[in-house]
PDB file of N, CA and C in Angstrom:
ATOM      1  N   MET A   1       0.847  -1.169   0.000  1.00  0.00           N
ATOM      2  CA  MET A   1       0.000   0.000   0.000  1.00  0.00           C
ATOM      3  C   MET A   1       0.897   1.238   0.000  1.00  0.00           C
ATOM      4  N   ILE A   2       0.481   2.244  -0.755  1.00  0.00           N
ATOM      5  CA  ILE A   2       1.230   3.493  -0.867  1.00  0.00           C
ATOM      6  C   ILE A   2       0.327   4.637  -0.424  1.00  0.00           C
ATOM      7  N   GLU A   3       0.864   5.490   0.465  1.00  0.00           N
ATOM      8  CA  GLU A   3       0.123   6.695   0.846  1.00  0.00           C
ATOM      9  C   GLU A   3       0.546   7.808  -0.098  1.00  0.00           C
ATOM     10  N   ALA A   4      -0.372   8.300  -0.914  1.00  0.00           N
ATOM     11  CA  ALA A   4      -0.085   9.367  -1.868  1.00  0.00           C
ATOM     12  C   ALA A   4      -0.786  10.638  -1.409  1.00  0.00           C
ATOM     13  N   ARG A   5      -0.002  11.657  -1.092  1.00  0.00           N
ATOM     14  CA  ARG A   5      -0.571  12.908  -0.614  1.00  0.00           C
ATOM     15  C   ARG A   5      -1.583  13.465  -1.595  1.00  0.00           C
ATOM     16  N   GLY A   6      -2.718  13.825  -1.088  1.00  0.00           N
ATOM     17  CA  GLY A   6      -3.745  14.419  -1.911  1.00  0.00           C
ATOM     18  C   GLY A   6      -4.515  13.422  -2.763  1.00  0.00           C
ATOM     19  N   VAL A   7      -4.133  12.146  -2.707  1.00  0.00           N
ATOM     20  CA  VAL A   7      -4.817  11.113  -3.489  1.00  0.00           C
ATOM     21  C   VAL A   7      -5.448  10.082  -2.572  1.00  0.00           C
ATOM     22  N   GLY A   8      -4.698   9.637  -1.553  1.00  0.00           N
ATOM     23  CA  GLY A   8      -5.206   8.644  -0.615  1.00  0.00           C
ATOM     24  C   GLY A   8      -4.319   7.413  -0.578  1.00  0.00           C
ATOM     25  N   LEU A   9      -4.869   6.295  -0.087  1.00  0.00           N
ATOM     26  CA  LEU A   9      -4.144   5.045  -0.005  1.00  0.00           C
ATOM     27  C   LEU A   9      -4.318   4.277  -1.309  1.00  0.00           C
ATOM     28  N   LEU A  10      -3.209   3.937  -1.936  1.00  0.00           N
ATOM     29  CA  LEU A  10      -3.230   3.261  -3.227  1.00  0.00           C
ATOM     30  C   LEU A  10      -2.815   1.806  -3.076  1.00  0.00           C
ATOM     31  N   LYS A  11      -3.496   0.920  -3.763  1.00  0.00           N
ATOM     32  CA  LYS A  11      -3.113  -0.482  -3.771  1.00  0.00           C
ATOM     33  C   LYS A  11      -1.859  -0.645  -4.623  1.00  0.00           C
ATOM     34  N   ALA A  12      -0.991  -1.573  -4.218  1.00  0.00           N
ATOM     35  CA  ALA A  12       0.224  -1.852  -4.978  1.00  0.00           C
ATOM     36  C   ALA A  12       0.593  -3.313  -4.809  1.00  0.00           C
ATOM     37  N   THR A  13       1.044  -3.928  -5.876  1.00  0.00           N
ATOM     38  CA  THR A  13       1.478  -5.316  -5.827  1.00  0.00           C
ATOM     39  C   THR A  13       2.945  -5.367  -5.414  1.00  0.00           C
ATOM     40  N   PRO A  14       3.284  -6.134  -4.371  1.00  0.00           N
ATOM     41  CA  PRO A  14       4.689  -6.240  -3.956  1.00  0.00           C
ATOM     42  C   PRO A  14       5.538  -6.872  -5.067  1.00  0.00           C
ATOM     43  N   VAL A  15       6.795  -6.454  -5.129  1.00  0.00           N
ATOM     44  CA  VAL A  15       7.743  -7.007  -6.091  1.00  0.00           C
ATOM     45  C   VAL A  15       8.980  -7.479  -5.346  1.00  0.00           C
ATOM     46  N   ALA A  16       9.922  -8.012  -6.077  1.00  0.00           N
ATOM     47  CA  ALA A  16      11.182  -8.473  -5.488  1.00  0.00           C
ATOM     48  C   ALA A  16      11.926  -7.288  -4.862  1.00  0.00           C
ATOM     49  N   PRO A  17      12.918  -7.547  -4.023  1.00  0.00           N
ATOM     50  CA  PRO A  17      13.701  -6.450  -3.435  1.00  0.00           C
ATOM     51  C   PRO A  17      14.282  -5.529  -4.513  1.00  0.00           C
ATOM     52  N   VAL A  18      14.330  -4.247  -4.201  1.00  0.00           N
ATOM     53  CA  VAL A  18      14.855  -3.249  -5.135  1.00  0.00           C
ATOM     54  C   VAL A  18      15.873  -2.370  -4.426  1.00  0.00           C
ATOM     55  N   SER A  19      16.654  -1.643  -5.189  1.00  0.00           N
ATOM     56  CA  SER A  19      17.629  -0.708  -4.639  1.00  0.00           C
ATOM     57  C   SER A  19      16.981   0.660  -4.451  1.00  0.00           C
ATOM     58  N   ILE A  20      17.407   1.365  -3.419  1.00  0.00           N
ATOM     59  CA  ILE A  20      16.970   2.745  -3.200  1.00  0.00           C
ATOM     60  C   ILE A  20      18.094   3.647  -3.700  1.00  0.00           C
ATOM     61  N   HIS A  21      17.754   4.606  -4.561  1.00  0.00           N
ATOM     62  CA  HIS A  21      18.778   5.460  -5.156  1.00  0.00           C
ATOM     63  C   HIS A  21      18.722   6.906  -4.689  1.00  0.00           C
ATOM     64  N   ALA A  22      17.633   7.325  -4.043  1.00  0.00           N
ATOM     65  CA  ALA A  22      17.509   8.698  -3.563  1.00  0.00           C
ATOM     66  C   ALA A  22      16.332   8.787  -2.602  1.00  0.00           C
ATOM     67  N   ALA A  23      16.305   9.876  -1.838  1.00  0.00           N
ATOM     68  CA  ALA A  23      15.197  10.135  -0.922  1.00  0.00           C
ATOM     69  C   ALA A  23      14.718  11.571  -1.152  1.00  0.00           C
ATOM     70  N   VAL A  24      13.439  11.813  -0.889  1.00  0.00           N
ATOM     71  CA  VAL A  24      12.864  13.148  -1.027  1.00  0.00           C
ATOM     72  C   VAL A  24      12.210  13.531   0.297  1.00  0.00           C
ATOM     73  N   ASP A  25      12.615  14.656   0.873  1.00  0.00           N
ATOM     74  CA  ASP A  25      12.030  15.171   2.108  1.00  0.00           C
ATOM     75  C   ASP A  25      10.931  16.157   1.721  1.00  0.00           C
ATOM     76  N   LEU A  26       9.689  15.753   1.893  1.00  0.00           N
ATOM     77  CA  LEU A  26       8.560  16.600   1.511  1.00  0.00           C
ATOM     78  C   LEU A  26       8.202  17.620   2.585  1.00  0.00           C
ATOM     79  N   ASP A  27       8.865  17.556   3.750  1.00  0.00           N
ATOM     80  CA  ASP A  27       8.590  18.514   4.821  1.00  0.00           C
ATOM     81  C   ASP A  27       9.443  19.772   4.721  1.00  0.00           C
ATOM     82  N   VAL A  28      10.537  19.707   3.950  1.00  0.00           N
ATOM     83  CA  VAL A  28      11.454  20.841   3.846  1.00  0.00           C
ATOM     84  C   VAL A  28      11.477  21.318   2.398  1.00  0.00           C
ATOM     85  N   GLU A  29      11.246  22.613   2.196  1.00  0.00           N
ATOM     86  CA  GLU A  29      11.234  23.158   0.837  1.00  0.00           C
ATOM     87  C   GLU A  29      12.637  23.608   0.436  1.00  0.00           C
ATOM     88  N   GLU A  30      13.046  23.252  -0.775  1.00  0.00           N
ATOM     89  CA  GLU A  30      14.335  23.707  -1.312  1.00  0.00           C
ATOM     90  C   GLU A  30      14.194  25.156  -1.730  1.00  0.00           C
ATOM     91  N   ASP A  31      15.126  26.011  -1.273  1.00  0.00           N
ATOM     92  CA  ASP A  31      15.024  27.427  -1.601  1.00  0.00           C
ATOM     93  C   ASP A  31      16.107  27.886  -2.576  1.00  0.00           C
ATOM     94  N   GLN A  32      16.972  26.977  -2.995  1.00  0.00           N
ATOM     95  CA  GLN A  32      18.040  27.322  -3.935  1.00  0.00           C
ATOM     96  C   GLN A  32      17.683  26.861  -5.345  1.00  0.00           C
ATOM     97  N   ARG A  33      17.996  27.685  -6.323  1.00  0.00           N
ATOM     98  CA  ARG A  33      17.735  27.323  -7.723  1.00  0.00           C
ATOM     99  C   ARG A  33      18.609  26.148  -8.147  1.00  0.00           C
ATOM    100  N   LEU A  34      19.896  26.179  -7.797  1.00  0.00           N
ATOM    101  CA  LEU A  34      20.840  25.093  -8.069  1.00  0.00           C
ATOM    102  C   LEU A  34      21.430  24.653  -6.728  1.00  0.00           C
ATOM    103  N   PRO A  35      20.717  23.827  -5.986  1.00  0.00           N
ATOM    104  CA  PRO A  35      21.153  23.474  -4.627  1.00  0.00           C
ATOM    105  C   PRO A  35      22.396  22.590  -4.610  1.00  0.00           C
ATOM    106  N   LYS A  36      23.179  22.754  -3.555  1.00  0.00           N
ATOM    107  CA  LYS A  36      24.290  21.836  -3.324  1.00  0.00           C
ATOM    108  C   LYS A  36      23.693  20.494  -2.926  1.00  0.00           C
ATOM    109  N   PRO A  37      24.393  19.410  -3.201  1.00  0.00           N
ATOM    110  CA  PRO A  37      23.851  18.087  -2.876  1.00  0.00           C
ATOM    111  C   PRO A  37      23.649  17.897  -1.362  1.00  0.00           C
ATOM    112  N   HIS A  38      22.541  17.310  -0.995  1.00  0.00           N
ATOM    113  CA  HIS A  38      22.256  16.927   0.383  1.00  0.00           C
ATOM    114  C   HIS A  38      22.325  15.401   0.452  1.00  0.00           C
ATOM    115  N   LYS A  39      22.615  14.877   1.619  1.00  0.00           N
ATOM    116  CA  LYS A  39      22.688  13.426   1.823  1.00  0.00           C
ATOM    117  C   LYS A  39      21.880  13.036   3.051  1.00  0.00           C
ATOM    118  N   ILE A  40      21.443  11.779   3.064  1.00  0.00           N
ATOM    119  CA  ILE A  40      20.784  11.191   4.226  1.00  0.00           C
ATOM    120  C   ILE A  40      21.241   9.744   4.319  1.00  0.00           C
ATOM    121  N   THR A  41      21.367   9.237   5.534  1.00  0.00           N
ATOM    122  CA  THR A  41      21.730   7.841   5.727  1.00  0.00           C
ATOM    123  C   THR A  41      20.499   7.082   6.191  1.00  0.00           C
ATOM    124  N   ILE A  42      20.139   6.056   5.430  1.00  0.00           N
ATOM    125  CA  ILE A  42      18.996   5.204   5.751  1.00  0.00           C
ATOM    126  C   ILE A  42      19.487   3.771   5.801  1.00  0.00           C
ATOM    127  N   LEU A  43      19.303   3.130   6.954  1.00  0.00           N
ATOM    128  CA  LEU A  43      19.741   1.746   7.153  1.00  0.00           C
ATOM    129  C   LEU A  43      21.199   1.561   6.765  1.00  0.00           C
ATOM    130  N   GLY A  44      22.036   2.536   7.127  1.00  0.00           N
ATOM    131  CA  GLY A  44      23.468   2.454   6.871  1.00  0.00           C
ATOM    132  C   GLY A  44      23.885   2.796   5.447  1.00  0.00           C
ATOM    133  N   GLN A  45      22.948   3.175   4.597  1.00  0.00           N
ATOM    134  CA  GLN A  45      23.267   3.506   3.211  1.00  0.00           C
ATOM    135  C   GLN A  45      23.128   5.011   3.008  1.00  0.00           C
ATOM    136  N   SER A  46      24.183   5.656   2.509  1.00  0.00           N
ATOM    137  CA  SER A  46      24.148   7.082   2.222  1.00  0.00           C
ATOM    138  C   SER A  46      23.456   7.310   0.878  1.00  0.00           C
ATOM    139  N   LEU A  47      22.456   8.188   0.895  1.00  0.00           N
ATOM    140  CA  LEU A  47      21.661   8.447  -0.308  1.00  0.00           C
ATOM    141  C   LEU A  47      21.588   9.941  -0.598  1.00  0.00           C
ATOM    142  N   PRO A  48      21.471  10.316  -1.878  1.00  0.00           N
ATOM    143  CA  PRO A  48      21.174  11.714  -2.194  1.00  0.00           C
ATOM    144  C   PRO A  48      19.807  12.072  -1.611  1.00  0.00           C
ATOM    145  N   LEU A  49      19.706  13.276  -1.061  1.00  0.00           N
ATOM    146  CA  LEU A  49      18.453  13.746  -0.470  1.00  0.00           C
ATOM    147  C   LEU A  49      17.986  14.987  -1.217  1.00  0.00           C
ATOM    148  N   PHE A  50      16.768  14.940  -1.701  1.00  0.00           N
ATOM    149  CA  PHE A  50      16.165  16.086  -2.358  1.00  0.00           C
ATOM    150  C   PHE A  50      15.099  16.656  -1.440  1.00  0.00           C
ATOM    151  N   ARG A  51      14.889  17.956  -1.542  1.00  0.00           N
ATOM    152  CA  ARG A  51      13.860  18.629  -0.757  1.00  0.00           C
ATOM    153  C   ARG A  51      12.707  19.017  -1.671  1.00  0.00           C
ATOM    154  N   ARG A  52      11.549  19.226  -1.083  1.00  0.00           N
ATOM    155  CA  ARG A  52      10.337  19.569  -1.830  1.00  0.00           C
ATOM    156  C   ARG A  52      10.554  20.836  -2.659  1.00  0.00           C
ATOM    157  N   VAL A  53      10.036  20.818  -3.876  1.00  0.00           N
ATOM    158  CA  VAL A  53      10.046  21.986  -4.755  1.00  0.00           C
ATOM    159  C   VAL A  53       8.614  22.192  -5.245  1.00  0.00           C
ATOM    160  N   LYS A  54       8.107  23.404  -5.090  1.00  0.00           N
ATOM    161  CA  LYS A  54       6.750  23.712  -5.554  1.00  0.00           C
ATOM    162  C   LYS A  54       6.802  24.055  -7.036  1.00  0.00           C
ATOM    163  N   SER A  55       6.729  23.044  -7.859  1.00  0.00           N
ATOM    164  CA  SER A  55       6.796  23.231  -9.303  1.00  0.00           C
ATOM    165  C   SER A  55       6.126  22.053  -9.990  1.00  0.00           C
ATOM    166  N   PRO A  56       5.393  22.295 -11.049  1.00  0.00           N
ATOM    167  CA  PRO A  56       4.728  21.196 -11.746  1.00  0.00           C
ATOM    168  C   PRO A  56       5.705  20.236 -12.427  1.00  0.00           C
ATOM    169  N   HIS A  57       6.956  20.662 -12.637  1.00  0.00           N
ATOM    170  CA  HIS A  57       7.930  19.797 -13.312  1.00  0.00           C
ATOM    171  C   HIS A  57       8.779  18.962 -12.352  1.00  0.00           C
ATOM    172  N   TYR A  58       8.572  19.094 -11.046  1.00  0.00           N
ATOM    173  CA  TYR A  58       9.460  18.460 -10.068  1.00  0.00           C
ATOM    174  C   TYR A  58       9.519  16.937 -10.207  1.00  0.00           C
ATOM    175  N   ALA A  59       8.387  16.288 -10.351  1.00  0.00           N
ATOM    176  CA  ALA A  59       8.385  14.820 -10.482  1.00  0.00           C
ATOM    177  C   ALA A  59       9.141  14.388 -11.733  1.00  0.00           C
ATOM    178  N   VAL A  60       8.976  15.108 -12.826  1.00  0.00           N
ATOM    179  CA  VAL A  60       9.679  14.780 -14.066  1.00  0.00           C
ATOM    180  C   VAL A  60      11.184  15.003 -13.897  1.00  0.00           C
ATOM    181  N   ALA A  61      11.560  16.064 -13.193  1.00  0.00           N
ATOM    182  CA  ALA A  61      12.979  16.334 -12.942  1.00  0.00           C
ATOM    183  C   ALA A  61      13.601  15.217 -12.105  1.00  0.00           C
ATOM    184  N   LEU A  62      12.882  14.727 -11.103  1.00  0.00           N
ATOM    185  CA  LEU A  62      13.392  13.617 -10.297  1.00  0.00           C
ATOM    186  C   LEU A  62      13.548  12.348 -11.135  1.00  0.00           C
ATOM    187  N   MET A  63      12.596  12.092 -12.020  1.00  0.00           N
ATOM    188  CA  MET A  63      12.701  10.920 -12.905  1.00  0.00           C
ATOM    189  C   MET A  63      13.929  11.037 -13.810  1.00  0.00           C
ATOM    190  N   GLN A  64      14.189  12.231 -14.336  1.00  0.00           N
ATOM    191  CA  GLN A  64      15.368  12.422 -15.185  1.00  0.00           C
ATOM    192  C   GLN A  64      16.647  12.229 -14.375  1.00  0.00           C
ATOM    193  N   TYR A  65      16.665  12.706 -13.128  1.00  0.00           N
ATOM    194  CA  TYR A  65      17.818  12.479 -12.247  1.00  0.00           C
ATOM    195  C   TYR A  65      18.066  10.980 -12.092  1.00  0.00           C
ATOM    196  N   LEU A  66      17.021  10.216 -11.833  1.00  0.00           N
ATOM    197  CA  LEU A  66      17.177   8.775 -11.640  1.00  0.00           C
ATOM    198  C   LEU A  66      17.679   8.078 -12.907  1.00  0.00           C
ATOM    199  N   LYS A  67      17.333   8.603 -14.056  1.00  0.00           N
ATOM    200  CA  LYS A  67      17.780   8.012 -15.328  1.00  0.00           C
ATOM    201  C   LYS A  67      19.222   8.359 -15.655  1.00  0.00           C
ATOM    202  N   ALA A  68      19.637   9.612 -15.380  1.00  0.00           N
ATOM    203  CA  ALA A  68      20.930  10.066 -15.895  1.00  0.00           C
ATOM    204  C   ALA A  68      21.820  10.784 -14.890  1.00  0.00           C
ATOM    205  N   GLY A  69      21.361  11.012 -13.659  1.00  0.00           N
ATOM    206  CA  GLY A  69      22.187  11.732 -12.690  1.00  0.00           C
ATOM    207  C   GLY A  69      22.105  13.232 -12.904  1.00  0.00           C
ATOM    208  N   ARG A  70      23.038  13.959 -12.273  1.00  0.00           N
ATOM    209  CA  ARG A  70      23.043  15.409 -12.431  1.00  0.00           C
ATOM    210  C   ARG A  70      24.461  15.944 -12.460  1.00  0.00           C
ATOM    211  N   GLN A  71      24.595  17.119 -13.008  1.00  0.00           N
ATOM    212  CA  GLN A  71      25.876  17.822 -13.076  1.00  0.00           C
ATOM    213  C   GLN A  71      25.983  18.708 -11.836  1.00  0.00           C
ATOM    214  N   ILE A  72      27.030  18.505 -11.040  1.00  0.00           N
ATOM    215  CA  ILE A  72      27.243  19.333  -9.847  1.00  0.00           C
ATOM    216  C   ILE A  72      28.076  20.541 -10.241  1.00  0.00           C
ATOM    217  N   ILE A  73      27.591  21.730  -9.903  1.00  0.00           N
ATOM    218  CA  ILE A  73      28.304  22.965 -10.206  1.00  0.00           C
ATOM    219  C   ILE A  73      29.046  23.401  -8.959  1.00  0.00           C
ATOM    220  N   PRO A  74      30.371  23.514  -9.051  1.00  0.00           N
ATOM    221  CA  PRO A  74      31.159  23.890  -7.854  1.00  0.00           C
ATOM    222  C   PRO A  74      30.884  25.293  -7.378  1.00  0.00           C
TER     223      PRO A  74
END
């Protein structure tokens, strides 16, 4: 079962174990246009951490990140 904000509880079929590649903190809003990378440790694994962005393209941007990564600007 998945809790989707603004949608409700969604049914989901379990699958085999998968890897986690990033986390999104929906409680904290990102205020930088080009933010420095954030990290979080979950179950001993260090993961990139993204913060909430109020934009209609945010979900698509996260999907593109998962497909190809991102360029870090020093």
